Amino acid sequence: MSWITDERRPEIIETFDGWGKSKRVIILLENGEVFVAEFNSGIEEGKPWEQWYLLCFDDAVETIIGWCDCIPD
């Protein structure tokens, strides 16, 4: 396993009204904590947006320093 730390993002696999989400991945926060999350992206008022969504807290987080696509389907 190696962390992806560049600008690559997980593939969006499911789309909804104006936004999409990736499959679950593992994320590494800058404080060293590791969580399962989804990557979300979309367009709102003509502007693209993206976020990392923590399932366990039902909230988004911004302090991601890496992610890994190693959770089986």
C-alpha atoms as a PDB file:
ATOM      1  CA  MET A   1       0.000   0.000   0.000  1.00  0.00           C
ATOM      2  CA  SER A   2       1.227   3.473  -0.819  1.00  0.00           C
ATOM      3  CA  TRP A   3      -0.482   6.788  -0.233  1.00  0.00           C
ATOM      4  CA  ILE A   4      -1.542   8.877  -3.225  1.00  0.00           C
ATOM      5  CA  THR A   5      -0.426  12.375  -2.346  1.00  0.00           C
ATOM      6  CA  ASP A   6      -0.656  14.205  -5.674  1.00  0.00           C
ATOM      7  CA  GLU A   7      -3.689  15.765  -7.392  1.00  0.00           C
ATOM      8  CA  ARG A   8      -5.243  12.434  -8.442  1.00  0.00           C
ATOM      9  CA  ARG A   9      -8.679  11.735  -7.027  1.00  0.00           C
ATOM     10  CA  PRO A  10     -10.748   8.541  -6.810  1.00  0.00           C
ATOM     11  CA  GLU A  11     -13.029   7.812  -9.749  1.00  0.00           C
ATOM     12  CA  ILE A  12     -16.615   9.001  -9.349  1.00  0.00           C
ATOM     13  CA  ILE A  13     -18.740   5.853  -9.588  1.00  0.00           C
ATOM     14  CA  GLU A  14     -22.199   7.075  -8.620  1.00  0.00           C
ATOM     15  CA  THR A  15     -23.861  10.333  -9.608  1.00  0.00           C
ATOM     16  CA  PHE A  16     -26.845  12.160  -8.196  1.00  0.00           C
ATOM     17  CA  ASP A  17     -28.504  15.502  -8.943  1.00  0.00           C
ATOM     18  CA  GLY A  18     -25.479  17.727  -9.636  1.00  0.00           C
ATOM     19  CA  TRP A  19     -22.850  15.758  -7.720  1.00  0.00           C
ATOM     20  CA  GLY A  20     -21.112  12.387  -7.554  1.00  0.00           C
ATOM     21  CA  LYS A  21     -19.267  10.142  -5.141  1.00  0.00           C
ATOM     22  CA  SER A  22     -16.426   7.651  -5.301  1.00  0.00           C
ATOM     23  CA  LYS A  23     -16.236   4.207  -3.803  1.00  0.00           C
ATOM     24  CA  ARG A  24     -14.910   4.124  -0.254  1.00  0.00           C
ATOM     25  CA  VAL A  25     -11.203   4.752   0.167  1.00  0.00           C
ATOM     26  CA  ILE A  26      -8.822   5.178   3.089  1.00  0.00           C
ATOM     27  CA  ILE A  27      -7.668   8.732   3.811  1.00  0.00           C
ATOM     28  CA  LEU A  28      -4.750  10.010   5.863  1.00  0.00           C
ATOM     29  CA  LEU A  29      -5.220  13.273   7.753  1.00  0.00           C
ATOM     30  CA  GLU A  30      -2.320  15.614   8.467  1.00  0.00           C
ATOM     31  CA  ASN A  31      -2.530  14.698  12.180  1.00  0.00           C
ATOM     32  CA  GLY A  32      -1.818  11.043  11.297  1.00  0.00           C
ATOM     33  CA  GLU A  33      -5.354   9.704  11.769  1.00  0.00           C
ATOM     34  CA  VAL A  34      -6.723   7.266   9.181  1.00  0.00           C
ATOM     35  CA  PHE A  35     -10.395   7.003   8.192  1.00  0.00           C
ATOM     36  CA  VAL A  36     -12.690   5.482   5.596  1.00  0.00           C
ATOM     37  CA  ALA A  37     -14.121   8.194   3.359  1.00  0.00           C
ATOM     38  CA  GLU A  38     -15.714   8.968   0.017  1.00  0.00           C
ATOM     39  CA  PHE A  39     -14.599  11.631  -2.418  1.00  0.00           C
ATOM     40  CA  ASN A  40     -17.462  13.873  -3.590  1.00  0.00           C
ATOM     41  CA  SER A  41     -17.461  16.413  -6.409  1.00  0.00           C
ATOM     42  CA  GLY A  42     -19.935  18.446  -8.380  1.00  0.00           C
ATOM     43  CA  ILE A  43     -20.833  21.847  -9.775  1.00  0.00           C
ATOM     44  CA  GLU A  44     -22.791  24.440  -7.838  1.00  0.00           C
ATOM     45  CA  GLU A  45     -23.744  27.810  -9.335  1.00  0.00           C
ATOM     46  CA  GLY A  46     -21.384  27.078 -12.231  1.00  0.00           C
ATOM     47  CA  LYS A  47     -18.373  26.454  -9.993  1.00  0.00           C
ATOM     48  CA  PRO A  48     -16.777  23.036  -9.431  1.00  0.00           C
ATOM     49  CA  TRP A  49     -16.419  21.793  -5.848  1.00  0.00           C
ATOM     50  CA  GLU A  50     -14.938  18.739  -4.160  1.00  0.00           C
ATOM     51  CA  GLN A  51     -14.761  17.327  -0.651  1.00  0.00           C
ATOM     52  CA  TRP A  52     -13.651  14.291   1.313  1.00  0.00           C
ATOM     53  CA  TYR A  53     -16.621  12.926   3.236  1.00  0.00           C
ATOM     54  CA  LEU A  54     -16.015  10.995   6.478  1.00  0.00           C
ATOM     55  CA  LEU A  55     -18.684   8.334   6.855  1.00  0.00           C
ATOM     56  CA  CYS A  56     -18.142   7.786  10.570  1.00  0.00           C
ATOM     57  CA  PHE A  57     -18.713  11.467  11.410  1.00  0.00           C
ATOM     58  CA  ASP A  58     -21.257  12.260   8.675  1.00  0.00           C
ATOM     59  CA  ASP A  59     -19.158  15.315   7.816  1.00  0.00           C
ATOM     60  CA  ALA A  60     -16.534  16.601   5.377  1.00  0.00           C
ATOM     61  CA  VAL A  61     -12.868  17.101   6.249  1.00  0.00           C
ATOM     62  CA  GLU A  62     -10.202  19.269   4.589  1.00  0.00           C
ATOM     63  CA  THR A  63      -6.896  18.176   6.130  1.00  0.00           C
ATOM     64  CA  ILE A  64      -6.213  15.233   3.788  1.00  0.00           C
ATOM     65  CA  ILE A  65      -2.567  14.559   2.956  1.00  0.00           C
ATOM     66  CA  GLY A  66      -3.066  11.222   1.199  1.00  0.00           C
ATOM     67  CA  TRP A  67      -5.515   8.543   0.186  1.00  0.00           C
ATOM     68  CA  CYS A  68      -5.343   4.868  -0.740  1.00  0.00           C
ATOM     69  CA  ASP A  69      -7.718   2.813  -2.864  1.00  0.00           C
ATOM     70  CA  CYS A  70      -7.302  -0.476  -1.016  1.00  0.00           C
ATOM     71  CA  ILE A  71     -10.766  -1.341   0.294  1.00  0.00           C
ATOM     72  CA  PRO A  72     -12.236  -4.309  -1.610  1.00  0.00           C
ATOM     73  CA  ASP A  73     -15.553  -3.803  -3.408  1.00  0.00           C
END
